[in-house]
Protein backbone atom coordinates (compact mmCIF):
# COMPACT_ATOMS: atom_id res chain seq x y z
CA MET A 1 120.03 98.41 149.20
CA SER A 2 117.93 99.01 146.04
CA ALA A 3 115.93 102.21 145.46
CA ALA A 4 112.73 100.26 145.86
CA SER A 5 113.91 98.69 149.14
CA ALA A 6 114.97 102.03 150.48
CA ALA A 7 111.58 103.47 149.62
CA ALA A 8 109.75 100.52 151.18
CA SER A 9 111.73 100.82 154.40
CA GLY A 10 109.98 104.09 155.11
CA SER A 11 113.26 105.84 155.95
CA SER A 12 112.83 109.58 156.48
CA LYS A 13 116.45 110.53 157.08
CA LYS A 14 117.67 113.74 155.46
CA ARG A 15 120.51 113.52 152.97
CA LYS A 16 122.55 116.25 151.30
CA ASP A 17 123.62 117.16 147.77
CA ASN A 18 127.25 117.64 146.82
CA ASP A 19 126.84 121.33 147.56
CA GLY A 20 125.64 120.59 151.13
CA ARG A 21 121.96 121.47 150.70
CA ALA A 22 119.24 119.15 151.92
CA ALA A 23 117.99 117.28 148.86
CA ASP A 24 114.52 116.56 150.27
CA ASP A 25 112.99 116.80 153.72
CA GLU A 26 111.94 113.19 153.52
CA ALA A 27 112.72 110.14 151.44
CA VAL A 28 110.28 109.20 148.69
CA LEU A 29 107.20 107.51 150.16
CA PRO A 30 106.73 103.89 149.09
CA SER A 31 103.97 103.11 146.64
CA ARG A 32 100.58 102.30 148.12
CA LEU A 33 100.53 99.34 145.73
CA HIS A 34 102.53 97.45 148.35
CA GLY A 35 99.22 96.99 150.19
CA VAL A 36 97.22 95.85 147.17
CA THR A 37 96.31 92.21 146.52
CA THR A 38 94.34 90.48 143.79
CA GLY A 39 93.42 87.23 145.49
CA LEU A 40 95.60 85.38 142.98
CA GLU A 41 99.19 84.40 143.64
CA GLU A 42 100.41 85.31 140.16
CA GLY A 43 98.34 88.49 140.22
CA ASP A 44 99.93 89.49 143.52
CA LEU A 45 103.39 88.97 141.99
CA LEU A 46 102.46 91.30 139.15
CA VAL A 47 101.16 93.95 141.56
CA LYS A 48 104.38 93.65 143.56
CA ALA A 49 106.39 94.16 140.37
CA ALA A 50 104.25 97.21 139.57
CA ALA A 51 104.87 98.58 143.07
CA THR A 52 108.62 98.16 142.57
CA SER A 53 108.42 99.95 139.19
CA VAL A 54 106.51 102.86 140.73
CA ASP A 55 109.00 103.10 143.62
CA THR A 56 111.90 103.12 141.19
CA PHE A 57 110.13 105.67 139.00
CA SER A 58 109.61 107.95 141.99
CA GLN A 59 113.27 107.70 142.98
CA ILE A 60 114.48 108.30 139.43
CA THR A 61 112.24 111.33 138.90
CA ARG A 62 113.48 112.89 142.14
CA THR A 63 117.09 112.23 141.13
CA ALA A 64 116.43 113.56 137.62
CA LYS A 65 115.00 116.76 139.11
CA GLN A 66 118.09 117.28 141.26
CA LEU A 67 120.47 116.58 138.37
CA ALA A 68 118.54 118.84 136.00
CA GLU A 69 118.66 121.70 138.50
CA LYS A 70 122.41 121.24 138.98
CA GLU A 71 122.96 121.11 135.22
CA ILE A 72 121.08 124.34 134.57
CA GLU A 73 122.70 126.07 137.56
CA ALA A 74 126.20 125.07 136.40
CA LEU A 75 125.59 126.20 132.84
CA SER A 76 124.06 129.50 133.99
CA SER A 77 127.10 130.08 136.22
CA GLU A 78 129.47 129.36 133.32
CA ILE A 79 127.72 131.91 131.10
CA LYS A 80 127.79 134.52 133.85
CA GLN A 81 131.47 133.77 134.49
CA LEU A 82 132.29 134.29 130.80
CA ILE A 83 130.88 137.79 131.07
CA THR A 84 132.32 138.89 134.40
CA ALA A 85 135.74 137.25 133.97
CA ASN A 86 136.20 139.30 130.80
CA GLY A 87 135.31 142.58 132.48
CA GLY A 88 131.67 142.68 131.44
CA THR A 89 128.60 143.51 133.49
CA ILE A 90 125.48 141.38 133.80
CA GLU A 91 123.19 144.39 133.58
CA PRO A 92 123.75 147.23 131.08
CA ARG A 93 125.98 150.00 132.42
CA ARG A 94 123.38 152.54 131.36
CA LYS A 95 119.70 152.28 130.52
CA ASP A 96 119.09 155.82 129.29
CA GLY A 97 120.90 158.87 127.97
CA ARG A 98 123.62 158.73 125.33
CA ILE A 99 127.03 157.07 125.09
CA ARG A 100 129.83 159.28 123.76
CA LEU A 101 132.54 157.46 121.81
CA ASN A 102 135.64 158.13 119.80
CA VAL A 103 135.04 156.14 116.63
CA GLY A 104 138.17 155.93 114.51
CA GLY A 105 139.11 159.49 115.44
CA THR A 106 135.64 161.08 115.25
CA VAL A 107 133.72 161.77 118.47
CA MET A 108 130.06 160.76 118.25
CA SER A 109 127.26 159.74 120.55
CA ILE A 110 124.56 157.13 120.34
CA PRO A 111 121.30 156.84 122.33
CA VAL A 112 121.18 153.98 124.82
CA SER A 113 117.52 153.44 123.97
CA ALA A 114 118.50 152.52 120.41
CA LEU A 115 121.01 149.95 121.65
CA LEU A 116 118.31 148.47 123.89
CA HIS A 117 115.80 148.19 121.05
CA ARG A 118 114.51 144.62 120.68
CA LYS A 119 116.13 144.38 117.22
CA MET A 120 119.46 145.64 118.52
CA LYS A 121 120.01 144.56 122.12
CA THR A 122 121.59 141.15 121.31
CA THR A 123 123.85 142.40 118.51
CA TYR A 124 127.60 142.42 119.04
CA LEU A 125 127.58 146.23 119.01
CA SER A 126 124.94 146.60 121.74
CA THR A 127 126.53 143.88 123.86
CA LEU A 128 129.92 145.58 123.56
CA LEU A 129 128.71 149.11 124.31
CA LEU A 130 126.20 148.23 127.03
CA HIS A 131 128.07 145.51 128.92
CA PHE A 132 131.77 145.94 128.07
CA THR A 133 132.19 149.71 127.74
CA ASP A 134 134.84 149.82 130.47
CA GLN A 135 136.93 147.33 128.51
CA LEU A 136 137.27 149.61 125.48
CA PRO A 137 140.57 151.52 125.14
CA LYS A 138 140.38 155.22 126.03
CA ASP A 139 141.47 158.29 124.09
CA ALA A 140 143.26 161.29 125.62
CA ASN A 141 139.91 162.63 126.88
CA GLN A 142 139.04 159.27 128.47
CA LEU A 143 136.33 158.57 125.92
CA PRO A 144 135.90 154.90 124.94
CA PHE A 145 137.59 154.26 121.60
CA LEU A 146 135.87 152.04 119.04
CA GLU A 147 138.07 150.62 116.28
CA MET A 148 135.59 151.18 113.46
CA HIS A 149 135.16 153.17 110.25
CA PRO A 150 133.56 156.50 111.32
CA ALA A 151 131.50 156.86 108.14
CA TYR A 152 129.81 153.52 108.80
CA PHE A 153 129.06 154.44 112.41
CA LYS A 154 127.45 157.71 111.28
CA TRP A 155 125.29 155.79 108.81
CA LEU A 156 124.35 153.31 111.52
CA ARG A 157 123.49 156.09 113.96
CA ASP A 158 121.04 157.53 111.41
CA ARG A 159 119.46 154.13 110.86
CA LEU A 160 119.08 153.64 114.61
CA ALA A 161 117.21 156.94 114.83
CA LEU A 162 114.77 155.62 112.24
CA LEU A 163 114.53 152.31 114.10
CA GLU A 164 113.08 154.17 117.08
CA SER A 165 110.52 155.78 114.78
CA PRO A 166 107.50 154.09 113.16
CA HIS A 167 109.30 154.09 109.80
CA LEU A 168 111.83 151.28 110.26
CA ASP A 169 111.58 147.89 111.94
CA GLU A 170 115.01 146.41 111.25
CA ILE A 171 118.58 147.47 110.53
CA THR A 172 119.48 146.13 107.11
CA ILE A 173 122.15 147.29 104.71
CA HIS A 174 121.49 147.91 101.03
CA SER A 175 123.32 149.45 98.09
CA PRO A 176 125.36 151.57 97.89
CA GLU A 177 126.56 150.86 101.46
CA ALA A 178 126.26 147.09 100.98
CA ASP A 179 128.73 147.32 98.09
CA ASP A 180 131.27 149.20 100.19
CA PRO A 181 133.35 146.85 102.38
CA SER A 182 134.11 149.69 104.81
CA TYR A 183 130.41 149.56 105.63
CA ALA A 184 129.41 145.98 104.83
CA GLU A 185 132.18 144.18 106.73
CA HIS A 186 131.66 146.16 109.94
CA HIS A 187 127.91 145.68 109.59
CA SER A 188 128.33 141.94 109.13
CA LEU A 189 130.34 141.70 112.34
CA PHE A 190 128.63 144.17 114.65
CA ILE A 191 124.97 144.01 113.61
CA GLU A 192 124.37 140.71 111.86
CA GLN A 193 126.24 138.71 114.51
CA LYS A 194 124.29 138.27 117.74
CA VAL A 195 124.89 136.81 121.18
CA GLY A 196 121.26 135.71 121.29
CA GLY A 197 118.39 134.85 119.02
CA GLU A 198 114.66 134.61 119.05
CA ILE A 199 113.82 132.06 121.77
CA GLU A 200 110.45 130.38 121.85
CA ILE A 201 109.66 128.67 125.15
CA GLU A 202 106.58 126.52 125.24
CA GLU A 203 105.04 127.26 128.61
CA GLN A 204 103.03 124.50 130.18
CA PRO A 205 99.60 125.60 131.42
CA GLN A 206 99.38 125.52 135.20
CA ALA A 207 96.41 123.15 135.09
CA LEU A 208 98.37 120.73 132.94
CA ALA A 209 101.38 120.84 135.24
CA SER A 210 99.18 120.36 138.32
CA SER A 211 97.30 117.43 136.85
CA ALA A 212 100.57 115.83 135.71
CA ALA A 213 101.96 116.24 139.21
CA ALA A 214 98.81 114.73 140.68
CA ALA A 215 99.02 111.76 138.32
CA ALA A 216 102.69 111.23 139.14
CA SER A 217 101.90 111.49 142.85
CA ALA A 218 99.12 108.94 142.50
CA ALA A 219 101.37 106.59 140.56
CA ALA A 220 104.06 106.96 143.24
CA GLY A 221 101.72 106.28 146.13
CA GLY A 222 101.23 109.87 147.16
CA GLY A 223 97.47 110.10 146.48
CA GLY A 224 94.82 111.02 148.98
CA ALA A 225 94.09 107.43 150.06
CA GLY A 226 96.38 105.49 152.39
CA GLN A 227 97.88 102.15 151.55
CA GLY A 228 95.11 100.24 153.24
CA ASP A 229 92.31 102.30 151.71
CA VAL A 230 92.61 101.01 148.14
CA GLU A 231 89.45 99.28 147.02
CA MET A 232 89.22 97.01 143.99
CA ALA A 233 86.56 96.82 141.33
CA ASP A 234 83.86 94.24 141.88
CA GLY A 235 83.60 91.02 139.99
CA ASN A 236 81.64 92.63 137.19
CA GLY A 237 84.40 95.15 136.55
CA LYS A 238 82.37 98.07 137.92
CA LYS A 239 84.28 100.86 139.60
CA ASP A 240 83.67 102.15 143.07
CA ASP A 241 83.48 105.86 143.93
CA GLY A 242 87.28 106.06 144.12
CA GLY A 243 87.58 105.58 140.37
CA ASP A 244 89.73 103.29 138.30
CA GLN A 245 93.38 104.14 138.94
CA GLY A 246 94.41 102.90 135.52
CA ALA A 247 91.91 105.06 133.73
CA GLY A 248 91.98 108.19 135.78
CA GLY A 249 91.90 107.76 139.54
CA ASP A 250 93.39 110.60 141.54
CA GLY A 251 94.92 112.20 138.45
CA GLY A 252 91.98 114.57 138.06
CA GLY A 253 90.49 112.56 135.19
CA MET A 254 93.91 111.92 133.60
CA GLY A 255 94.95 108.40 132.64
CA VAL A 256 98.39 106.95 133.29
CA GLU A 257 99.29 107.02 129.59
CA GLU A 258 98.38 110.71 129.39
CA ALA A 259 100.48 111.42 132.48
CA PHE A 260 103.44 109.61 130.94
CA ARG A 261 102.91 111.49 127.69
CA GLN A 262 103.09 114.78 129.55
CA ILE A 263 106.23 113.62 131.34
CA ASP A 264 107.75 112.92 127.92
CA GLU A 265 106.76 116.44 126.84
CA CYS A 266 108.42 117.90 129.93
CA MET A 267 111.60 115.96 129.19
CA SER A 268 111.61 117.15 125.58
CA SER A 269 111.00 120.73 126.73
CA TYR A 270 113.88 120.49 129.20
CA ARG A 271 116.22 119.19 126.50
CA ARG A 272 115.27 122.07 124.21
CA VAL A 273 115.89 124.62 126.94
CA LEU A 274 119.20 123.00 127.86
CA GLU A 275 120.39 123.08 124.24
CA ALA A 276 119.27 126.71 123.94
CA LEU A 277 121.36 127.58 127.02
CA ARG A 278 124.34 125.75 125.57
CA ALA A 279 123.88 127.70 122.35
CA LYS A 280 123.84 130.93 124.39
CA LYS A 281 127.16 129.94 125.92
CA ARG A 282 128.66 129.19 122.50
CA ARG A 283 127.40 132.52 121.20
CA MET A 284 128.93 134.38 124.12
CA GLU A 285 132.24 132.58 123.55
CA GLY A 286 132.06 133.58 119.88
CA PHE A 287 131.37 137.19 120.83
CA LEU A 288 134.32 137.33 123.21
CA THR A 289 136.63 135.88 120.56
CA ALA A 290 135.43 138.30 117.89
CA MET A 291 135.74 141.32 120.19
CA ARG A 292 139.33 140.70 121.30
CA PRO A 293 140.75 143.21 118.78
CA PHE A 294 138.38 145.87 120.12
CA VAL A 295 138.80 145.58 123.91
CA LYS A 296 141.85 146.17 126.09
CA GLY A 297 142.24 142.57 127.19
CA ASP A 298 145.78 141.80 128.31
CA SER A 299 147.34 144.42 126.02
CA SER A 300 149.89 146.82 127.44
CA ASP A 301 149.23 150.55 127.58
CA GLU A 302 151.66 150.97 124.70
CA ASP A 303 149.76 148.46 122.54
CA ILE A 304 146.45 150.28 123.00
CA GLU A 305 147.96 153.73 122.55
CA LEU A 306 145.91 155.83 120.14
CA MET A 307 147.82 156.87 117.00
CA THR A 308 146.35 159.93 115.29
CA LEU A 309 146.87 161.88 112.08
CA SER A 310 145.03 165.12 111.33
CA VAL A 311 143.74 166.32 107.98
CA SER A 312 142.33 169.85 107.97
CA ASP A 313 141.54 169.72 111.69
CA GLU A 314 139.83 166.32 111.43
CA ASP A 315 141.40 163.26 113.05
CA VAL A 316 141.98 159.75 111.81
CA SER A 317 142.87 157.42 114.70
CA VAL A 318 143.88 153.79 115.07
CA LEU A 319 145.29 151.68 117.91
CA ARG A 320 149.02 150.99 117.78
CA ARG A 321 148.42 147.25 118.08
CA THR A 322 146.03 147.31 115.09
CA ILE A 323 148.67 148.40 112.60
CA ALA A 324 151.68 146.90 114.40
CA PRO A 325 151.45 143.55 112.50
CA LEU A 326 152.36 145.44 109.32
CA GLY A 327 155.86 145.78 110.76
CA PRO A 328 157.83 148.74 112.17
CA ALA A 329 159.25 149.63 108.75
CA HIS A 330 155.85 149.73 107.06
CA ALA A 331 154.97 153.14 105.61
CA LEU A 332 151.63 153.39 107.42
CA VAL A 333 153.16 152.48 110.79
CA LYS A 334 155.98 154.98 110.35
CA ARG A 335 153.58 157.75 109.27
CA PHE A 336 151.50 157.35 112.45
CA ASP A 337 154.54 157.16 114.73
CA PRO A 338 155.46 160.68 115.97
CA THR A 339 158.96 159.49 116.88
CA GLN A 340 159.61 158.71 113.21
CA TRP A 341 157.40 161.39 111.63
CA PRO A 342 156.98 164.34 114.01
CA ASP A 343 154.52 166.21 111.80
CA GLN A 344 151.18 164.53 112.58
CA GLU A 345 149.31 166.76 110.15
CA ALA A 346 148.79 165.00 106.80
CA HIS A 347 149.10 167.36 103.83
CA GLN A 348 148.00 167.15 100.21
CA THR A 349 145.72 164.23 100.86
CA SER A 350 142.01 163.58 101.12
CA PHE A 351 140.53 163.06 104.59
CA ARG A 352 138.12 160.46 103.16
CA PHE A 353 140.94 158.64 101.37
CA LEU A 354 142.99 158.50 104.57
CA GLN A 355 140.00 157.14 106.48
CA LEU A 356 139.54 154.42 103.84
CA ILE A 357 143.24 153.53 103.87
CA VAL A 358 143.34 153.25 107.65
CA ASP A 359 140.12 151.30 107.71
CA PHE A 360 141.54 148.82 105.18
CA ALA A 361 144.50 148.22 107.48
CA ARG A 362 142.07 148.08 110.41
CA ARG A 363 139.84 145.46 108.80
CA LEU A 364 142.84 143.32 107.89
CA ALA A 365 143.65 143.21 111.61
CA VAL A 366 140.28 143.05 113.36
CA MET A 367 138.01 140.97 111.15
CA PRO A 368 137.57 137.35 112.28
CA ALA A 369 140.20 134.87 111.10
CA GLY A 370 139.30 133.21 107.83
CA ARG A 371 137.09 136.03 106.59
CA PHE A 372 137.94 137.62 103.25
CA VAL A 373 138.79 141.30 103.62
CA HIS A 374 137.87 143.33 100.58
CA PRO A 375 139.93 146.32 99.44
CA PRO A 376 138.38 149.79 99.67
CA VAL A 377 135.87 150.94 97.06
CA VAL A 378 136.00 154.38 95.43
CA ALA A 379 134.29 155.94 92.43
CA PRO A 380 135.69 154.97 88.99
CA ALA A 381 137.03 158.48 88.47
CA GLU A 382 138.97 158.23 91.77
CA LYS A 383 140.54 154.79 91.29
CA ALA A 384 143.83 155.95 89.77
CA ILE A 385 144.61 158.62 92.36
CA PHE A 386 143.40 156.41 95.22
CA ALA A 387 145.73 153.62 94.09
CA VAL A 388 148.62 156.11 94.33
CA GLU A 389 147.54 157.17 97.84
CA LEU A 390 147.12 153.56 98.91
CA GLY A 391 150.55 152.66 97.61
CA MET A 392 152.10 155.66 99.33
CA TYR A 393 151.00 154.13 102.64
CA GLY A 394 152.33 150.70 101.74
CA LEU A 395 149.01 149.04 100.87
CA SER A 396 147.45 147.79 97.67
CA SER A 397 143.94 147.01 96.47
CA ILE A 398 145.42 143.90 94.86
CA PRO A 399 146.01 141.05 97.33
CA PRO A 400 149.57 139.87 97.99
CA VAL A 401 149.48 137.07 95.42
CA PRO A 402 152.21 134.78 94.10
CA ALA A 403 153.88 135.52 90.80
CA ASP A 404 155.05 131.98 90.06
CA SER A 405 151.76 130.25 89.19
CA THR A 406 151.33 129.14 85.59
CA ILE A 407 147.65 128.32 86.19
CA ILE A 408 146.20 131.19 88.24
CA LYS A 409 147.82 133.79 86.05
CA THR A 410 146.65 137.22 87.12
CA ALA A 411 146.05 139.14 90.32
CA ASP A 412 142.36 139.44 89.39
CA GLU A 413 142.11 135.65 89.14
CA TRP A 414 143.81 135.24 92.50
CA LEU A 415 141.44 137.81 93.98
CA ALA A 416 138.45 135.90 92.54
CA VAL A 417 139.65 132.59 93.99
CA MET A 418 140.44 134.12 97.38
CA LYS A 419 136.93 135.58 97.50
CA MET A 420 135.55 132.12 96.79
CA ALA A 421 137.61 130.67 99.65
CA ASP A 422 136.56 133.57 101.90
CA LYS A 423 140.10 133.98 103.22
CA ARG A 424 141.98 137.09 104.22
CA ILE A 425 144.21 138.63 101.61
CA ALA A 426 146.90 139.76 104.04
CA VAL A 427 148.89 136.55 103.68
CA ALA A 428 150.02 135.35 100.26
CA PRO A 429 149.42 131.65 99.47
CA SER A 430 152.52 129.46 99.53
CA LEU A 431 153.31 126.88 96.85
CA LEU A 432 153.57 123.39 98.32
CA TYR A 433 153.62 121.25 95.20
CA LYS A 434 154.15 121.87 91.50
CA SER A 435 154.16 118.89 89.15
CA SER A 436 156.73 120.32 86.71
CA ARG A 437 159.08 120.82 89.65
CA ASP A 438 158.22 117.90 91.94
CA THR A 439 157.05 115.32 89.32
CA PHE A 440 153.64 113.63 89.13
CA THR A 441 154.66 110.67 91.31
CA TYR A 442 152.28 109.96 94.16
CA ALA A 443 155.02 109.64 96.79
CA SER A 444 156.42 113.06 95.88
CA PHE A 445 152.94 114.59 96.03
CA LEU A 446 152.24 113.14 99.48
CA ASN A 447 155.62 114.26 100.75
CA LYS A 448 154.77 117.88 99.88
CA VAL A 449 151.16 118.17 101.01
CA THR A 450 150.54 115.66 103.82
CA GLY A 451 149.39 117.30 107.04
CA LYS A 452 148.96 120.75 105.47
CA SER A 453 145.58 122.51 105.70
CA GLY A 454 143.83 125.02 103.46
CA LEU A 455 144.81 123.34 100.19
CA LEU A 456 144.11 125.06 96.89
CA PHE A 457 144.45 122.66 93.95
CA ALA A 458 144.98 124.29 90.55
CA LEU A 459 145.03 122.12 87.40
CA ARG A 460 145.60 122.84 83.73
CA ASP A 461 144.41 120.64 80.88
CA GLY A 462 146.18 121.81 77.73
CA ASP A 463 146.26 125.53 77.06
CA THR A 464 142.56 126.26 77.43
CA HIS A 465 141.10 124.67 80.56
CA ARG A 466 142.20 125.87 83.98
CA PHE A 467 140.30 124.84 87.11
CA GLY A 468 140.71 123.39 90.58
CA CYS A 469 139.27 122.92 94.04
CA PHE A 470 139.79 124.13 97.58
CA ILE A 471 139.95 121.79 100.58
CA ASP A 472 139.45 123.76 103.78
CA GLY A 473 141.31 121.21 105.87
CA PRO A 474 144.21 118.75 105.63
CA LEU A 475 145.04 116.02 103.15
CA THR A 476 145.69 113.03 105.39
CA PRO A 477 146.73 109.59 104.13
CA PRO A 478 146.01 106.49 106.27
CA ASP A 479 148.49 105.16 108.81
CA ASP A 480 148.42 101.79 107.03
CA PRO A 481 149.86 102.30 103.49
CA ARG A 482 147.59 99.51 102.21
CA ARG A 483 144.39 101.27 103.21
CA THR A 484 142.56 104.53 102.48
CA ASN A 485 141.45 107.40 104.68
CA TRP A 486 137.96 108.73 104.00
CA TYR A 487 136.73 111.84 105.83
CA LYS A 488 134.43 114.82 105.60
CA VAL A 489 135.95 118.24 104.91
CA PRO A 490 134.63 121.46 103.31
CA VAL A 491 135.32 121.38 99.55
CA PHE A 492 134.36 123.51 96.57
CA PHE A 493 135.48 123.57 92.92
CA PHE A 494 136.21 126.46 90.59
CA SER A 495 136.82 127.15 86.93
CA LEU A 496 139.07 129.89 85.60
CA SER A 497 138.82 129.22 81.86
CA GLY A 498 137.54 126.68 79.37
CA ALA A 499 134.31 125.45 80.96
CA TYR A 500 133.24 128.99 81.91
CA GLU A 501 134.08 132.33 80.41
CA THR A 502 134.82 133.96 83.78
CA PRO A 503 136.09 132.64 87.14
CA THR A 504 133.21 130.63 88.62
CA LYS A 505 132.71 128.84 91.93
CA ILE A 506 131.02 125.42 91.89
CA GLU A 507 129.67 124.34 95.26
CA LEU A 508 128.89 120.77 96.26
CA PRO A 509 126.10 119.62 98.60
CA GLU A 510 127.43 119.17 102.12
CA ASP A 511 127.00 115.38 102.03
CA ARG A 512 129.40 115.19 99.06
CA GLN A 513 132.12 117.35 100.57
CA LYS A 514 134.45 114.47 101.33
CA VAL A 515 137.97 113.35 100.49
CA GLU A 516 139.45 109.87 100.23
CA VAL A 517 143.23 109.43 100.26
CA ALA A 518 144.95 106.11 99.59
CA GLY A 519 148.18 104.94 101.15
CA THR A 520 151.14 104.36 98.86
CA GLN A 521 150.15 100.69 98.56
CA GLY A 522 146.40 101.19 98.57
CA ALA A 523 143.73 102.49 96.22
CA VAL A 524 140.44 104.36 96.32
CA ARG A 525 137.67 102.06 95.12
CA SER A 526 134.62 102.75 92.98
CA ILE A 527 131.09 102.00 94.15
CA GLU A 528 131.45 98.61 92.44
CA GLY A 529 134.58 97.93 94.46
CA ARG A 530 137.12 98.43 91.67
CA MET A 531 140.43 100.12 92.54
CA ILE A 532 140.48 103.33 90.52
CA ALA A 533 142.62 106.16 91.97
CA ASN A 534 145.09 107.45 94.54
CA VAL A 535 143.05 110.47 95.65
CA CYS A 536 139.38 111.34 95.17
CA ILE A 537 138.14 114.80 96.10
CA GLY A 538 134.37 115.10 96.49
CA ARG A 539 132.29 111.94 96.50
CA SER A 540 129.51 111.14 94.05
CA PRO A 541 130.75 108.26 94.22
CA PRO A 542 133.49 107.59 93.20
CA GLY A 543 134.67 111.20 93.09
CA VAL A 544 134.30 114.63 91.54
CA LEU A 545 138.05 114.78 90.93
CA CYS A 546 140.25 111.68 90.93
CA LEU A 547 144.04 111.89 90.74
CA GLY A 548 146.13 108.94 89.54
CA PHE A 549 142.96 107.61 87.91
CA GLY A 550 142.78 104.40 85.93
CA ARG A 551 139.74 102.43 84.84
CA ARG A 552 141.70 99.22 85.40
CA GLY A 553 143.31 100.38 88.60
CA PRO A 554 145.17 103.43 89.92
CA VAL A 555 148.32 104.59 88.19
CA ALA A 556 151.45 105.92 89.86
CA ASP A 557 151.39 109.01 87.64
CA LEU A 558 148.96 111.58 89.10
CA SER A 559 148.62 113.27 85.72
CA SER A 560 146.04 110.62 84.77
CA CYS A 561 142.84 112.24 86.04
CA ASN A 562 139.07 112.05 85.95
CA GLN A 563 136.81 114.99 86.62
CA TRP A 564 133.04 115.06 86.17
CA MET A 565 129.93 116.75 87.49
CA ASN A 566 126.26 116.53 86.69
CA ILE A 567 125.31 119.53 84.59
CA ASN A 568 121.83 119.93 86.08
CA GLU A 569 122.80 119.34 89.73
CA ASP A 570 126.32 120.77 90.01
CA LEU A 571 127.23 123.08 87.17
CA SER A 572 125.72 126.53 87.31
CA GLY A 573 124.45 128.64 84.46
CA GLY A 574 127.07 129.71 81.96
CA TYR A 575 128.67 126.28 81.59
CA THR A 576 130.03 125.87 78.05
CA GLY A 577 132.08 122.69 78.42
CA GLU A 578 131.65 119.13 77.20
CA ARG A 579 128.48 117.13 77.80
CA ASP A 580 128.25 113.35 77.61
CA GLU A 581 125.25 111.13 76.93
CA ASP A 582 124.47 110.87 80.67
CA GLY A 583 124.16 114.62 81.11
CA ASP A 584 127.53 114.96 82.84
CA GLY A 585 130.03 117.71 82.23
CA THR A 586 133.62 118.45 83.20
CA LEU A 587 135.83 121.41 84.02
CA ALA A 588 138.58 119.79 81.89
CA GLN A 589 138.52 119.28 78.14
CA THR A 590 137.25 115.71 78.62
CA ILE A 591 136.08 113.70 81.64
CA ASP A 592 139.18 111.47 81.48
CA PHE A 593 142.17 113.72 80.85
CA THR A 594 145.91 114.02 81.25
CA CYS A 595 146.79 116.94 83.49
CA THR A 596 149.38 119.26 81.91
CA GLU A 597 150.30 120.99 85.16
CA MET A 598 149.15 120.70 88.76
CA GLU A 599 149.84 123.08 91.64
CA VAL A 600 148.85 122.83 95.29
CA TRP A 601 148.90 126.05 97.31
CA GLN A 602 148.42 126.51 101.02
CA VAL A 603 146.02 129.33 101.82
CA LEU A 604 146.21 130.56 105.41
CA SER A 605 144.14 133.19 107.15
CA GLY A 606 145.92 136.43 107.82
C-alpha cells in the first residue's frame, strides 16, 4: 500500500519505532483536498494529484522528523560514550576551588574558575583537568601528575590569573616564550587545540516556527476546516471569507511558497547542526588520541611509575613510559633508574638545564605524531655547556641525521628540511634510492620507492644547485604498466643552494599538490597530450618537477629532468636563479637539466 493510500484509508493504528516507542498516536490525516472538485474532469484529476502529493509530503515529513531525531540521538550518544568509555565525566569534577597537580616534579595549583573561563573551557588542558583528572597518573602523594614542562605551567598559571582580571581577554604566547619550544610546543597542544569552537546557532523565532507549522498543517489537510467545508472562489476569481489557500489561507497570511522556503531553511539549519555535532565528535576523538601519552590508559603500574631526580632539593620527574622508548641502555633512562643509579640526587648540574633536558625527551615522546620537535633553547653564552650536559644524558640538539647524503650535506641543512616537513627528529631518515648506487633507470627507481610514504627527493644539478621536494604520502605506479596513476598528495619544494642563498621552502597551492606516476610502459602526458615523462610531481600542468623528461617523449634515464615555477606565483622573495622570457624560474641551473645525483629518503614520524 502506498503512503498516500495508507493516509487516505484513515487508519489510526499505532506503530512503533525500532526502539519500541510509539512513533505517533495516530497516522497522518489524509489531505482535505480529497473532497475538493473543480467541476472539470481534467481539473479534478489535477486536484487528486495535488492531494496525493500533499499526503506523500505529510508522510515524508513525519518520517524525516523521526529519522532526524534518531540521527541526533545516536550521534549524541556516541560523543557521550567517547567520554565515559575513556574514564571521563560529562560534568566537570569540580566547579570551584583549586586543583593541585604535580607538574613535571613541581607541585602547583590552578583555580578551577580559570579553567572554566569561556576562553579556556574547551581547550585540551581544561578538558583534561576538569573531565579526566582521575585518569592522570598519580605521584607518591596521590596528586595527579601532568607530563609537562613546569616552567611553562607556571607561566600559564600567571596568564590565567590575568585572564580572570579586566586586563587580559585571551591566552596568547609571544616572545620570548614563543621562541622557546619548551613553552611553545606545550602551548600549541594544550591551549591552541580545542575540543570545541565558537558555535553560532540560528534560532528560529517562535512566530515563524508556528506559522510554518500552520502552513504545513494546512497543506497536509490539518487546517481548521473539514474536508467538506472547503469553498471555492466564485467565477470572477473573488475569494470568500476563508481566504485563498494558495495565497495564504490558514497559514496565518503565509503563502505556500513562503512555507516551503521556511521548510528549506529548517532543513539547511538541521544539516548545519548535524555537521557541527559530527565535528564535535571528531574533535573529541582527536583530543583522546592526543592525550594518550598523558593519561593512564591501559598502561601497567610500572609503565606509569614516576621517575624522579633531585637537584638542590627540587625535583625533576618523568613517567617511566615516557623515556622508555629511548632504550634501557640510554644514559637518561639509566640515570633515572634507581636500580642502576642508586643516588637520585643530581650533582654539579643546573636544575633548569635538567628540566630542559627531560622536557626535550618528554616532547619527543608525547607530542602528536608527525609534529616537528624542536631542541631546547638556551642563551648564546650557555650553548656550549648545555650541549655538554645534553650529550651527557645521551641527547643532542642536532637531529639524528644521515651522514651519507651528498646533497643535504650538513646537520643544519637536515634540520632545516625536517622543520619544513614538520616531522619529528627522533627517527633518522632512511635512504631508499641513490642514483649513483642504484642507477637512473626507471625500473630500478620504482623498485626502491614504490609503496613507501614520506618521500624526500633531493637533487643536485652540477656543483652549485641543490634542491628537492617532499611528498607526504606514497609514490604509487598504476596496476596497468601502460597507464599512469594521478592522485592528490601533500607536496612542497625546497632549495638548499643555487636558487636561494639559504635553505628555503616553496609551497604550492593545494590544487597543484598532485603526483602522476607512469607505468613502465606508459608516460605522463602534457596538456596537449604529448608523452613527456615518467614521473611528474606537482601539476601546473604538466608538472613542477618531471623525471625522465623528454620533449619528444619520456626517456628511460631519469637524469633527464625538467623543473620550473612561476616566479611571481611560486617563488618567494630572495630568488636569485634563472628567469626565462615567460617569467618562469627554476631551482636547477636551467629549466631542462641533467640531474647529477638524485636521492630519495623516507622520513617517518618518531
